C-alpha atoms as a PDB file:
ATOM      1  CA  UNK A   1     -19.580 -48.431  61.907  1.00  0.00           C
ATOM      2  CA  UNK A   2     -21.253 -45.365  63.317  1.00  0.00           C
ATOM      3  CA  UNK A   3     -23.648 -45.157  66.249  1.00  0.00           C
ATOM      4  CA  UNK A   4     -26.333 -42.485  66.600  1.00  0.00           C
ATOM      5  CA  UNK A   5     -27.716 -41.403  69.954  1.00  0.00           C
ATOM      6  CA  UNK A   6     -30.904 -39.360  70.281  1.00  0.00           C
ATOM      7  CA  UNK A   7     -30.687 -36.689  72.975  1.00  0.00           C
ATOM      8  CA  UNK A   8     -33.353 -34.321  74.299  1.00  0.00           C
ATOM      9  CA  UNK A   9     -31.420 -31.162  75.174  1.00  0.00           C
ATOM     10  CA  UNK A  10     -34.270 -28.678  75.736  1.00  0.00           C
ATOM     11  CA  UNK A  11     -37.417 -28.445  77.813  1.00  0.00           C
ATOM     12  CA  UNK A  12     -39.998 -25.789  76.962  1.00  0.00           C
ATOM     13  CA  UNK A  13     -43.463 -25.294  78.432  1.00  0.00           C
ATOM     14  CA  UNK A  14     -45.788 -23.553  75.984  1.00  0.00           C
ATOM     15  CA  UNK A  15     -49.537 -22.944  75.750  1.00  0.00           C
ATOM     16  CA  UNK A  16     -49.694 -25.547  72.974  1.00  0.00           C
ATOM     17  CA  UNK A  17     -47.616 -28.260  74.631  1.00  0.00           C
ATOM     18  CA  UNK A  18     -46.349 -28.432  78.196  1.00  0.00           C
ATOM     19  CA  UNK A  19     -43.377 -30.627  77.260  1.00  0.00           C
ATOM     20  CA  UNK A  20     -41.611 -29.340  74.154  1.00  0.00           C
ATOM     21  CA  UNK A  21     -38.274 -31.043  73.530  1.00  0.00           C
ATOM     22  CA  UNK A  22     -35.035 -30.320  71.696  1.00  0.00           C
ATOM     23  CA  UNK A  23     -34.171 -33.439  69.703  1.00  0.00           C
ATOM     24  CA  UNK A  24     -30.425 -33.437  69.017  1.00  0.00           C
ATOM     25  CA  UNK A  25     -28.306 -36.203  67.507  1.00  0.00           C
ATOM     26  CA  UNK A  26     -24.936 -37.469  68.672  1.00  0.00           C
ATOM     27  CA  UNK A  27     -22.910 -39.409  66.109  1.00  0.00           C
ATOM     28  CA  UNK A  28     -20.124 -41.647  67.351  1.00  0.00           C
ATOM     29  CA  UNK A  29     -17.454 -43.322  65.274  1.00  0.00           C
ATOM     30  CA  UNK A  30     -14.784 -44.906  67.472  1.00  0.00           C
ATOM     31  CA  UNK A  31     -13.658 -42.009  69.705  1.00  0.00           C
ATOM     32  CA  UNK A  32     -14.890 -39.283  67.349  1.00  0.00           C
ATOM     33  CA  UNK A  33     -18.123 -37.483  68.291  1.00  0.00           C
ATOM     34  CA  UNK A  34     -20.272 -35.189  66.129  1.00  0.00           C
ATOM     35  CA  UNK A  35     -23.325 -33.285  67.338  1.00  0.00           C
ATOM     36  CA  UNK A  36     -26.249 -32.248  65.170  1.00  0.00           C
ATOM     37  CA  UNK A  37     -27.636 -29.197  66.972  1.00  0.00           C
ATOM     38  CA  UNK A  38     -26.664 -28.720  70.598  1.00  0.00           C
ATOM     39  CA  UNK A  39     -29.734 -27.584  72.518  1.00  0.00           C
ATOM     40  CA  UNK A  40     -29.457 -25.254  75.476  1.00  0.00           C
ATOM     41  CA  UNK A  41     -25.952 -25.072  76.914  1.00  0.00           C
ATOM     42  CA  UNK A  42     -24.582 -25.643  80.376  1.00  0.00           C
ATOM     43  CA  UNK A  43     -23.803 -21.954  80.844  1.00  0.00           C
ATOM     44  CA  UNK A  44     -27.355 -21.114  79.755  1.00  0.00           C
ATOM     45  CA  UNK A  45     -28.744 -23.288  82.537  1.00  0.00           C
ATOM     46  CA  UNK A  46     -26.372 -21.841  85.147  1.00  0.00           C
ATOM     47  CA  UNK A  47     -26.781 -18.187  84.103  1.00  0.00           C
ATOM     48  CA  UNK A  48     -30.040 -17.981  82.154  1.00  0.00           C
ATOM     49  CA  UNK A  49     -30.904 -14.331  82.764  1.00  0.00           C
ATOM     50  CA  UNK A  50     -27.427 -13.163  81.811  1.00  0.00           C
ATOM     51  CA  UNK A  51     -27.132 -15.329  78.694  1.00  0.00           C
ATOM     52  CA  UNK A  52     -30.710 -15.468  77.417  1.00  0.00           C
ATOM     53  CA  UNK A  53     -32.603 -12.708  79.191  1.00  0.00           C
ATOM     54  CA  UNK A  54     -35.803 -12.875  81.207  1.00  0.00           C
ATOM     55  CA  UNK A  55     -37.967 -11.566  78.362  1.00  0.00           C
ATOM     56  CA  UNK A  56     -36.981 -14.390  76.006  1.00  0.00           C
ATOM     57  CA  UNK A  57     -37.160 -16.974  78.796  1.00  0.00           C
ATOM     58  CA  UNK A  58     -40.755 -15.954  79.504  1.00  0.00           C
ATOM     59  CA  UNK A  59     -41.680 -15.708  75.818  1.00  0.00           C
ATOM     60  CA  UNK A  60     -40.358 -19.161  74.916  1.00  0.00           C
ATOM     61  CA  UNK A  61     -41.073 -20.953  78.198  1.00  0.00           C
ATOM     62  CA  UNK A  62     -37.608 -22.351  78.848  1.00  0.00           C
ATOM     63  CA  UNK A  63     -37.204 -24.766  81.768  1.00  0.00           C
ATOM     64  CA  UNK A  64     -33.575 -25.181  82.834  1.00  0.00           C
ATOM     65  CA  UNK A  65     -31.897 -28.405  83.952  1.00  0.00           C
ATOM     66  CA  UNK A  66     -28.173 -28.918  83.448  1.00  0.00           C
ATOM     67  CA  UNK A  67     -28.674 -32.700  83.373  1.00  0.00           C
ATOM     68  CA  UNK A  68     -30.300 -32.487  79.940  1.00  0.00           C
ATOM     69  CA  UNK A  69     -27.561 -30.393  78.368  1.00  0.00           C
ATOM     70  CA  UNK A  70     -25.645 -32.225  75.652  1.00  0.00           C
ATOM     71  CA  UNK A  71     -22.379 -32.088  77.582  1.00  0.00           C
ATOM     72  CA  UNK A  72     -23.895 -33.710  80.678  1.00  0.00           C
ATOM     73  CA  UNK A  73     -25.640 -36.400  78.609  1.00  0.00           C
ATOM     74  CA  UNK A  74     -22.415 -37.192  76.767  1.00  0.00           C
ATOM     75  CA  UNK A  75     -20.672 -37.593  80.131  1.00  0.00           C
ATOM     76  CA  UNK A  76     -23.511 -39.822  81.351  1.00  0.00           C
ATOM     77  CA  UNK A  77     -22.975 -42.065  78.319  1.00  0.00           C
ATOM     78  CA  UNK A  78     -19.388 -42.541  79.489  1.00  0.00           C
ATOM     79  CA  UNK A  79     -18.001 -40.536  76.582  1.00  0.00           C
ATOM     80  CA  UNK A  80     -15.542 -37.648  76.607  1.00  0.00           C
ATOM     81  CA  UNK A  81     -16.988 -34.249  75.552  1.00  0.00           C
ATOM     82  CA  UNK A  82     -13.475 -33.289  74.447  1.00  0.00           C
ATOM     83  CA  UNK A  83     -13.980 -35.721  71.557  1.00  0.00           C
ATOM     84  CA  UNK A  84     -16.764 -33.620  70.036  1.00  0.00           C
ATOM     85  CA  UNK A  85     -14.890 -32.429  66.965  1.00  0.00           C
ATOM     86  CA  UNK A  86     -17.778 -31.005  64.949  1.00  0.00           C
ATOM     87  CA  UNK A  87     -21.211 -29.482  65.499  1.00  0.00           C
ATOM     88  CA  UNK A  88     -23.590 -29.392  62.540  1.00  0.00           C
ATOM     89  CA  UNK A  89     -26.232 -26.737  63.167  1.00  0.00           C
ATOM     90  CA  UNK A  90     -29.503 -26.478  61.307  1.00  0.00           C
ATOM     91  CA  UNK A  91     -29.879 -22.802  62.195  1.00  0.00           C
ATOM     92  CA  UNK A  92     -28.630 -20.378  64.800  1.00  0.00           C
ATOM     93  CA  UNK A  93     -31.617 -19.876  67.105  1.00  0.00           C
ATOM     94  CA  UNK A  94     -30.420 -20.085  70.687  1.00  0.00           C
ATOM     95  CA  UNK A  95     -32.330 -23.255  71.596  1.00  0.00           C
ATOM     96  CA  UNK A  96     -30.385 -25.063  68.848  1.00  0.00           C
ATOM     97  CA  UNK A  97     -26.909 -23.625  69.438  1.00  0.00           C
ATOM     98  CA  UNK A  98     -26.746 -22.542  73.088  1.00  0.00           C
ATOM     99  CA  UNK A  99     -24.540 -25.543  73.783  1.00  0.00           C
ATOM    100  CA  UNK A 100     -21.833 -24.635  71.268  1.00  0.00           C
ATOM    101  CA  UNK A 101     -19.823 -22.918  73.994  1.00  0.00           C
ATOM    102  CA  UNK A 102     -19.593 -26.254  75.838  1.00  0.00           C
ATOM    103  CA  UNK A 103     -17.545 -27.632  72.912  1.00  0.00           C
ATOM    104  CA  UNK A 104     -15.188 -24.730  72.166  1.00  0.00           C
ATOM    105  CA  UNK A 105     -12.794 -26.789  70.026  1.00  0.00           C
ATOM    106  CA  UNK A 106     -15.526 -28.089  67.739  1.00  0.00           C
ATOM    107  CA  UNK A 107     -15.868 -26.829  64.180  1.00  0.00           C
ATOM    108  CA  UNK A 108     -19.331 -25.427  63.445  1.00  0.00           C
ATOM    109  CA  UNK A 109     -20.982 -26.368  60.133  1.00  0.00           C
ATOM    110  CA  UNK A 110     -23.836 -24.172  58.864  1.00  0.00           C
ATOM    111  CA  UNK A 111     -25.320 -22.881  55.620  1.00  0.00           C
ATOM    112  CA  UNK A 112     -24.002 -19.685  54.046  1.00  0.00           C
ATOM    113  CA  UNK A 113     -27.472 -18.173  54.162  1.00  0.00           C
ATOM    114  CA  UNK A 114     -27.915 -18.847  57.868  1.00  0.00           C
ATOM    115  CA  UNK A 115     -24.629 -17.255  58.877  1.00  0.00           C
ATOM    116  CA  UNK A 116     -25.475 -14.243  56.716  1.00  0.00           C
ATOM    117  CA  UNK A 117     -28.872 -13.998  58.392  1.00  0.00           C
ATOM    118  CA  UNK A 118     -27.204 -14.232  61.811  1.00  0.00           C
ATOM    119  CA  UNK A 119     -24.812 -11.405  60.914  1.00  0.00           C
ATOM    120  CA  UNK A 120     -27.531  -9.238  59.363  1.00  0.00           C
ATOM    121  CA  UNK A 121     -28.810  -7.853  62.647  1.00  0.00           C
ATOM    122  CA  UNK A 122     -31.911 -10.051  62.666  1.00  0.00           C
ATOM    123  CA  UNK A 123     -33.236  -9.603  66.241  1.00  0.00           C
ATOM    124  CA  UNK A 124     -34.230 -13.259  66.595  1.00  0.00           C
ATOM    125  CA  UNK A 125     -30.609 -14.261  67.251  1.00  0.00           C
ATOM    126  CA  UNK A 126     -28.546 -14.038  70.423  1.00  0.00           C
ATOM    127  CA  UNK A 127     -24.858 -13.375  69.783  1.00  0.00           C
ATOM    128  CA  UNK A 128     -23.443 -15.220  72.800  1.00  0.00           C
ATOM    129  CA  UNK A 129     -23.490 -18.737  71.267  1.00  0.00           C
ATOM    130  CA  UNK A 130     -20.703 -17.751  68.848  1.00  0.00           C
ATOM    131  CA  UNK A 131     -18.735 -15.405  71.087  1.00  0.00           C
ATOM    132  CA  UNK A 132     -16.105 -18.086  71.743  1.00  0.00           C
ATOM    133  CA  UNK A 133     -15.155 -17.617  68.042  1.00  0.00           C
ATOM    134  CA  UNK A 134     -15.263 -21.215  66.841  1.00  0.00           C
ATOM    135  CA  UNK A 135     -13.997 -22.306  63.450  1.00  0.00           C
ATOM    136  CA  UNK A 136     -17.018 -22.055  61.147  1.00  0.00           C
ATOM    137  CA  UNK A 137     -17.412 -23.877  57.850  1.00  0.00           C
ATOM    138  CA  UNK A 138     -20.221 -22.639  55.623  1.00  0.00           C
ATOM    139  CA  UNK A 139     -21.952 -24.405  52.764  1.00  0.00           C
ATOM    140  CA  UNK A 140     -23.428 -22.755  49.689  1.00  0.00           C
ATOM    141  CA  UNK A 141     -25.640 -23.892  46.835  1.00  0.00           C
ATOM    142  CA  UNK A 142     -25.092 -27.383  45.434  1.00  0.00           C
ATOM    143  CA  UNK A 143     -26.146 -29.223  42.290  1.00  0.00           C
ATOM    144  CA  UNK A 144     -26.429 -32.521  44.170  1.00  0.00           C
ATOM    145  CA  UNK A 145     -29.953 -33.910  44.528  1.00  0.00           C
ATOM    146  CA  UNK A 146     -31.167 -35.986  47.479  1.00  0.00           C
ATOM    147  CA  UNK A 147     -34.694 -37.370  46.922  1.00  0.00           C
ATOM    148  CA  UNK A 148     -35.753 -34.123  45.235  1.00  0.00           C
ATOM    149  CA  UNK A 149     -33.963 -31.789  47.655  1.00  0.00           C
ATOM    150  CA  UNK A 150     -30.829 -29.748  47.110  1.00  0.00           C
ATOM    151  CA  UNK A 151     -28.125 -31.367  49.233  1.00  0.00           C
ATOM    152  CA  UNK A 152     -24.881 -29.844  50.490  1.00  0.00           C
ATOM    153  CA  UNK A 153     -22.350 -32.454  51.609  1.00  0.00           C
ATOM    154  CA  UNK A 154     -20.861 -31.668  55.020  1.00  0.00           C
ATOM    155  CA  UNK A 155     -17.081 -31.877  55.104  1.00  0.00           C
ATOM    156  CA  UNK A 156     -16.447 -34.151  58.076  1.00  0.00           C
ATOM    157  CA  UNK A 157     -14.078 -37.118  58.231  1.00  0.00           C
ATOM    158  CA  UNK A 158     -16.597 -39.768  59.229  1.00  0.00           C
ATOM    159  CA  UNK A 159     -17.707 -43.016  57.628  1.00  0.00           C
ATOM    160  CA  UNK A 160     -21.059 -41.829  56.303  1.00  0.00           C
ATOM    161  CA  UNK A 161     -22.313 -39.043  54.055  1.00  0.00           C
ATOM    162  CA  UNK A 162     -24.040 -36.181  55.843  1.00  0.00           C
ATOM    163  CA  UNK A 163     -25.930 -33.465  53.967  1.00  0.00           C
ATOM    164  CA  UNK A 164     -27.346 -30.086  54.843  1.00  0.00           C
ATOM    165  CA  UNK A 165     -30.749 -29.901  53.128  1.00  0.00           C
ATOM    166  CA  UNK A 166     -32.121 -26.356  52.636  1.00  0.00           C
ATOM    167  CA  UNK A 167     -35.517 -25.957  54.336  1.00  0.00           C
ATOM    168  CA  UNK A 168     -35.707 -22.188  54.330  1.00  0.00           C
ATOM    169  CA  UNK A 169     -38.526 -20.215  55.888  1.00  0.00           C
ATOM    170  CA  UNK A 170     -38.354 -20.662  59.641  1.00  0.00           C
ATOM    171  CA  UNK A 171     -35.103 -18.777  59.211  1.00  0.00           C
ATOM    172  CA  UNK A 172     -33.616 -17.618  55.931  1.00  0.00           C
ATOM    173  CA  UNK A 173     -30.907 -20.275  56.080  1.00  0.00           C
ATOM    174  CA  UNK A 174     -32.341 -23.173  58.067  1.00  0.00           C
ATOM    175  CA  UNK A 175     -31.381 -26.607  56.792  1.00  0.00           C
ATOM    176  CA  UNK A 176     -32.377 -30.104  57.696  1.00  0.00           C
ATOM    177  CA  UNK A 177     -29.752 -32.841  57.972  1.00  0.00           C
ATOM    178  CA  UNK A 178     -29.829 -36.172  56.157  1.00  0.00           C
ATOM    179  CA  UNK A 179     -27.515 -39.072  56.846  1.00  0.00           C
ATOM    180  CA  UNK A 180     -27.419 -42.799  56.342  1.00  0.00           C
ATOM    181  CA  UNK A 181     -26.944 -45.060  59.338  1.00  0.00           C
ATOM    182  CA  UNK A 182     -26.798 -48.832  58.980  1.00  0.00           C
ATOM    183  CA  UNK A 183     -28.437 -48.759  55.530  1.00  0.00           C
ATOM    184  CA  UNK A 184     -31.300 -46.479  56.637  1.00  0.00           C
ATOM    185  CA  UNK A 185     -31.738 -42.811  55.733  1.00  0.00           C
ATOM    186  CA  UNK A 186     -32.554 -40.380  58.545  1.00  0.00           C
ATOM    187  CA  UNK A 187     -33.881 -36.912  57.764  1.00  0.00           C
ATOM    188  CA  UNK A 188     -33.888 -34.476  60.653  1.00  0.00           C
ATOM    189  CA  UNK A 189     -35.951 -31.442  59.605  1.00  0.00           C
ATOM    190  CA  UNK A 190     -35.246 -29.236  62.661  1.00  0.00           C
ATOM    191  CA  UNK A 191     -37.913 -26.495  62.926  1.00  0.00           C
ATOM    192  CA  UNK A 192     -39.392 -26.968  59.454  1.00  0.00           C
ATOM    193  CA  UNK A 193     -42.264 -28.132  61.611  1.00  0.00           C
ATOM    194  CA  UNK A 194     -42.708 -27.818  65.369  1.00  0.00           C
ATOM    195  CA  UNK A 195     -45.072 -30.775  65.612  1.00  0.00           C
ATOM    196  CA  UNK A 196     -45.577 -33.547  63.088  1.00  0.00           C
ATOM    197  CA  UNK A 197     -49.309 -32.785  63.041  1.00  0.00           C
ATOM    198  CA  UNK A 198     -48.461 -29.793  60.829  1.00  0.00           C
ATOM    199  CA  UNK A 199     -48.000 -32.260  57.975  1.00  0.00           C
ATOM    200  CA  UNK A 200     -51.649 -33.310  58.137  1.00  0.00           C
ATOM    201  CA  UNK A 201     -53.677 -30.639  59.991  1.00  0.00           C
ATOM    202  CA  UNK A 202     -53.361 -27.067  58.735  1.00  0.00           C
ATOM    203  CA  UNK A 203     -55.844 -25.845  61.376  1.00  0.00           C
ATOM    204  CA  UNK A 204     -53.922 -27.082  64.401  1.00  0.00           C
ATOM    205  CA  UNK A 205     -52.969 -24.143  66.705  1.00  0.00           C
ATOM    206  CA  UNK A 206     -49.265 -24.917  66.317  1.00  0.00           C
ATOM    207  CA  UNK A 207     -49.475 -23.674  62.714  1.00  0.00           C
ATOM    208  CA  UNK A 208     -50.115 -20.131  63.951  1.00  0.00           C
ATOM    209  CA  UNK A 209     -47.062 -20.264  66.195  1.00  0.00           C
ATOM    210  CA  UNK A 210     -44.940 -21.579  63.328  1.00  0.00           C
ATOM    211  CA  UNK A 211     -46.141 -18.747  61.105  1.00  0.00           C
ATOM    212  CA  UNK A 212     -45.358 -16.118  63.725  1.00  0.00           C
ATOM    213  CA  UNK A 213     -41.830 -17.432  64.215  1.00  0.00           C
ATOM    214  CA  UNK A 214     -41.017 -17.693  60.504  1.00  0.00           C
ATOM    215  CA  UNK A 215     -38.679 -15.239  58.798  1.00  0.00           C
ATOM    216  CA  UNK A 216     -40.532 -16.005  55.551  1.00  0.00           C
ATOM    217  CA  UNK A 217     -43.805 -17.911  55.883  1.00  0.00           C
ATOM    218  CA  UNK A 218     -44.171 -18.518  52.146  1.00  0.00           C
ATOM    219  CA  UNK A 219     -40.799 -20.284  52.086  1.00  0.00           C
ATOM    220  CA  UNK A 220     -41.714 -22.155  55.276  1.00  0.00           C
ATOM    221  CA  UNK A 221     -44.889 -23.524  53.694  1.00  0.00           C
ATOM    222  CA  UNK A 222     -42.997 -24.516  50.548  1.00  0.00           C
ATOM    223  CA  UNK A 223     -40.468 -26.445  52.666  1.00  0.00           C
ATOM    224  CA  UNK A 224     -43.330 -28.118  54.527  1.00  0.00           C
ATOM    225  CA  UNK A 225     -44.911 -29.211  51.256  1.00  0.00           C
ATOM    226  CA  UNK A 226     -41.629 -30.790  50.133  1.00  0.00           C
ATOM    227  CA  UNK A 227     -41.427 -32.716  53.411  1.00  0.00           C
ATOM    228  CA  UNK A 228     -45.013 -33.926  52.979  1.00  0.00           C
ATOM    229  CA  UNK A 229     -44.163 -35.233  49.518  1.00  0.00           C
ATOM    230  CA  UNK A 230     -41.061 -37.016  50.785  1.00  0.00           C
ATOM    231  CA  UNK A 231     -43.004 -38.655  53.630  1.00  0.00           C
ATOM    232  CA  UNK A 232     -45.679 -39.833  51.185  1.00  0.00           C
ATOM    233  CA  UNK A 233     -43.284 -41.014  48.489  1.00  0.00           C
ATOM    234  CA  UNK A 234     -40.557 -42.530  50.680  1.00  0.00           C
ATOM    235  CA  UNK A 235     -41.991 -44.040  53.880  1.00  0.00           C
ATOM    236  CA  UNK A 236     -38.713 -45.925  54.312  1.00  0.00           C
ATOM    237  CA  UNK A 237     -36.955 -42.665  55.275  1.00  0.00           C
ATOM    238  CA  UNK A 238     -37.080 -41.769  58.968  1.00  0.00           C
ATOM    239  CA  UNK A 239     -38.284 -38.144  59.161  1.00  0.00           C
ATOM    240  CA  UNK A 240     -38.399 -36.250  62.443  1.00  0.00           C
ATOM    241  CA  UNK A 241     -38.160 -32.722  63.773  1.00  0.00           C
ATOM    242  CA  UNK A 242     -36.698 -30.970  66.785  1.00  0.00           C
ATOM    243  CA  UNK A 243     -39.568 -30.072  69.101  1.00  0.00           C
ATOM    244  CA  UNK A 244     -42.119 -32.901  68.915  1.00  0.00           C
ATOM    245  CA  UNK A 245     -41.851 -34.855  72.166  1.00  0.00           C
ATOM    246  CA  UNK A 246     -43.901 -37.770  70.780  1.00  0.00           C
ATOM    247  CA  UNK A 247     -41.428 -38.191  67.946  1.00  0.00           C
ATOM    248  CA  UNK A 248     -38.549 -38.080  70.408  1.00  0.00           C
ATOM    249  CA  UNK A 249     -40.117 -40.757  72.595  1.00  0.00           C
ATOM    250  CA  UNK A 250     -39.866 -43.162  69.662  1.00  0.00           C
ATOM    251  CA  UNK A 251     -36.076 -42.797  69.811  1.00  0.00           C
ATOM    252  CA  UNK A 252     -35.600 -42.092  73.524  1.00  0.00           C
ATOM    253  CA  UNK A 253     -32.462 -43.605  75.012  1.00  0.00           C
ATOM    254  CA  UNK A 254     -31.836 -45.456  71.771  1.00  0.00           C
ATOM    255  CA  UNK A 255     -28.926 -45.648  69.425  1.00  0.00           C
ATOM    256  CA  UNK A 256     -28.662 -46.898  65.855  1.00  0.00           C
END
């Protein structure tokens, strides 16, 4: 049996929302731990100007607190961070992968397209999160279908199937993550939307921010439409993103 913990590993203050979160998942099976996205890392909180830079800190609105880093929250749960064997990352923006350096032995799982985008010189990415040279497993196109989405099975030795689900647009290789826990499907869509209101209100100010931050806005909107259809057609599937604090509150301090 697996357990899933919901962790908020980021705090951002923005003009649209003064409490933007970073909703990461911790999967536990016996002593084995797997993270889905890592949030801001411990070293980022201790040395933010050196690792992130003042310009990006001001642009994004990062607020730093080492107590909300994944490594500190894992310790608080009474678990051993050394047991984090794998980190599945939806994309390589710093607020999703800054914590990779806190788990240097963990294998990183990411889409082929995202790693290519990272290595292309795209200025959105910081290089420091991968400078510890982790083992990286990449995942390319798949013929497998998950509720109408292409699904790429993640190669991890754990007692549930986990899939990277392409949701391109925010970045050219961003994926969501689907997994089944205790007979219920979870679908974490990362930054395919910033706030759930994007699914229903195209005039909300957050839509402009999402457009500005997209590598390809046409692809982003197509991914959003597919999520809308899934939510309408399959209300039994738990769908949630990374930054919506109201969504996170529904899971806060919970485990499945």
